[in-house]
Amino acid sequence: MNNTAGILIISIGVLFDLIGCIGLIRMPDIYNRLQASTKCVTLGTCMILLGAMVMAATTAAVWKSALCLLFIVITAPTAAHSLARGAYRSGVKLWSKSVADQYAEDQS
């Protein structure tokens, strides 16, 4: 039972990772790409680690997966925010069909 549930969770994680990779290719600018890849890849990688935790036979493997999961949950959104903010401050323009520039509105 644990192997079946673990494989199912890992498969869902791989699907989310695939969607994140497609988002990297399909989205028009850096800001949309960061949004697509960060949300999907964070969730996908966390699901893969969760599946590994379900399938793990040892306590050490569960702890290692849990620590990696926690690290990804904390660092991936932080890194994406830093990249987006750095790109914006460097003058990288938003996509021409973007609806709002919330950062510029907050600065004024």
Protein backbone atom coordinates (compact mmCIF):
# COMPACT_ATOMS: atom_id res chain seq x y z
CA MET A 1 0.00 0.00 0.00
CA ASN A 2 2.78 2.44 0.87
CA ASN A 3 4.52 1.86 -2.46
CA THR A 4 1.33 2.47 -4.44
CA ALA A 5 0.51 5.67 -2.54
CA GLY A 6 4.12 6.84 -2.82
CA ILE A 7 4.22 6.22 -6.56
CA LEU A 8 0.93 8.07 -7.01
CA ILE A 9 2.19 11.09 -5.04
CA ILE A 10 5.50 11.08 -6.93
CA SER A 11 3.62 10.89 -10.25
CA ILE A 12 1.55 13.92 -9.29
CA GLY A 13 4.77 15.74 -8.37
CA VAL A 14 6.36 14.90 -11.70
CA LEU A 15 3.24 16.19 -13.46
CA PHE A 16 3.50 19.50 -11.60
CA ASP A 17 7.20 19.73 -12.45
CA LEU A 18 6.35 19.13 -16.11
CA ILE A 19 3.74 21.89 -16.02
CA GLY A 20 6.35 24.23 -14.48
CA CYS A 21 8.82 23.42 -17.25
CA ILE A 22 6.17 24.08 -19.90
CA GLY A 23 5.44 27.40 -18.15
CA LEU A 24 9.10 28.36 -18.49
CA ILE A 25 8.85 27.90 -22.24
CA ARG A 26 5.38 29.30 -22.88
CA MET A 27 5.18 32.42 -20.71
CA PRO A 28 6.01 35.77 -22.33
CA ASP A 29 8.25 37.54 -19.78
CA ILE A 30 10.46 36.88 -16.77
CA TYR A 31 7.77 37.75 -14.24
CA ASN A 32 5.23 35.30 -15.65
CA ARG A 33 7.92 32.65 -16.01
CA LEU A 34 8.96 33.05 -12.40
CA GLN A 35 5.37 32.76 -11.25
CA ALA A 36 4.68 29.65 -13.30
CA SER A 37 7.89 27.86 -12.50
CA THR A 38 8.06 28.70 -8.80
CA LYS A 39 4.54 27.64 -7.93
CA CYS A 40 4.53 24.48 -10.03
CA VAL A 41 8.07 23.34 -9.35
CA THR A 42 7.80 24.04 -5.62
CA LEU A 43 4.62 22.01 -5.38
CA GLY A 44 5.96 19.31 -7.69
CA THR A 45 9.23 18.87 -5.86
CA CYS A 46 7.45 18.88 -2.50
CA MET A 47 5.10 16.17 -3.76
CA ILE A 48 8.05 14.08 -4.94
CA LEU A 49 9.69 14.43 -1.53
CA LEU A 50 6.40 13.61 0.19
CA GLY A 51 6.11 10.48 -1.96
CA ALA A 52 9.65 9.54 -0.99
CA MET A 53 8.69 9.99 2.66
CA VAL A 54 5.70 7.69 2.21
CA MET A 55 7.83 5.04 0.50
CA ALA A 56 10.84 5.38 2.82
CA ALA A 57 11.71 2.41 4.93
CA THR A 58 13.95 4.23 7.41
CA THR A 59 13.46 7.11 9.79
CA ALA A 60 16.62 8.81 8.51
CA ALA A 61 15.23 8.95 4.97
CA VAL A 62 11.97 10.46 6.23
CA TRP A 63 13.84 13.14 8.17
CA LYS A 64 16.08 13.98 5.22
CA SER A 65 13.07 14.29 2.91
CA ALA A 66 11.24 16.45 5.47
CA LEU A 67 14.24 18.78 5.84
CA CYS A 68 14.61 19.09 2.06
CA LEU A 69 10.88 19.79 1.76
CA LEU A 70 11.09 22.52 4.38
CA PHE A 71 14.15 24.03 2.70
CA ILE A 72 12.40 24.17 -0.69
CA VAL A 73 9.21 25.67 0.77
CA ILE A 74 11.22 28.46 2.37
CA THR A 75 13.84 29.18 -0.29
CA ALA A 76 12.04 28.83 -3.63
CA PRO A 77 9.48 31.64 -3.13
CA THR A 78 12.15 33.84 -1.53
CA ALA A 79 14.50 33.32 -4.47
CA ALA A 80 11.75 34.00 -7.00
CA HIS A 81 10.80 37.21 -5.19
CA SER A 82 14.43 38.35 -5.19
CA LEU A 83 14.84 37.56 -8.88
CA ALA A 84 11.65 39.40 -9.82
CA ARG A 85 12.54 42.42 -7.72
CA GLY A 86 16.07 42.52 -9.15
CA ALA A 87 14.74 42.25 -12.70
CA TYR A 88 12.24 45.05 -12.08
CA ARG A 89 14.83 47.34 -10.52
CA SER A 90 17.22 46.60 -13.40
CA GLY A 91 14.62 47.89 -15.83
CA VAL A 92 13.31 44.66 -17.32
CA LYS A 93 9.95 45.65 -18.77
CA LEU A 94 6.72 43.84 -18.12
CA TRP A 95 4.95 42.09 -20.97
CA SER A 96 3.09 44.61 -23.15
CA LYS A 97 -0.28 43.00 -22.33
CA SER A 98 0.25 43.06 -18.55
CA VAL A 99 -2.79 44.43 -16.77
CA ALA A 100 -1.23 46.00 -13.67
CA ASP A 101 2.12 47.06 -12.29
CA GLN A 102 1.47 46.69 -8.56
CA TYR A 103 5.08 47.44 -7.62
CA ALA A 104 4.99 50.83 -9.37
CA GLU A 105 1.64 51.61 -7.78
CA ASP A 106 3.02 50.80 -4.32
CA GLN A 107 6.06 53.04 -4.86
CA SER A 108 4.00 56.13 -5.67
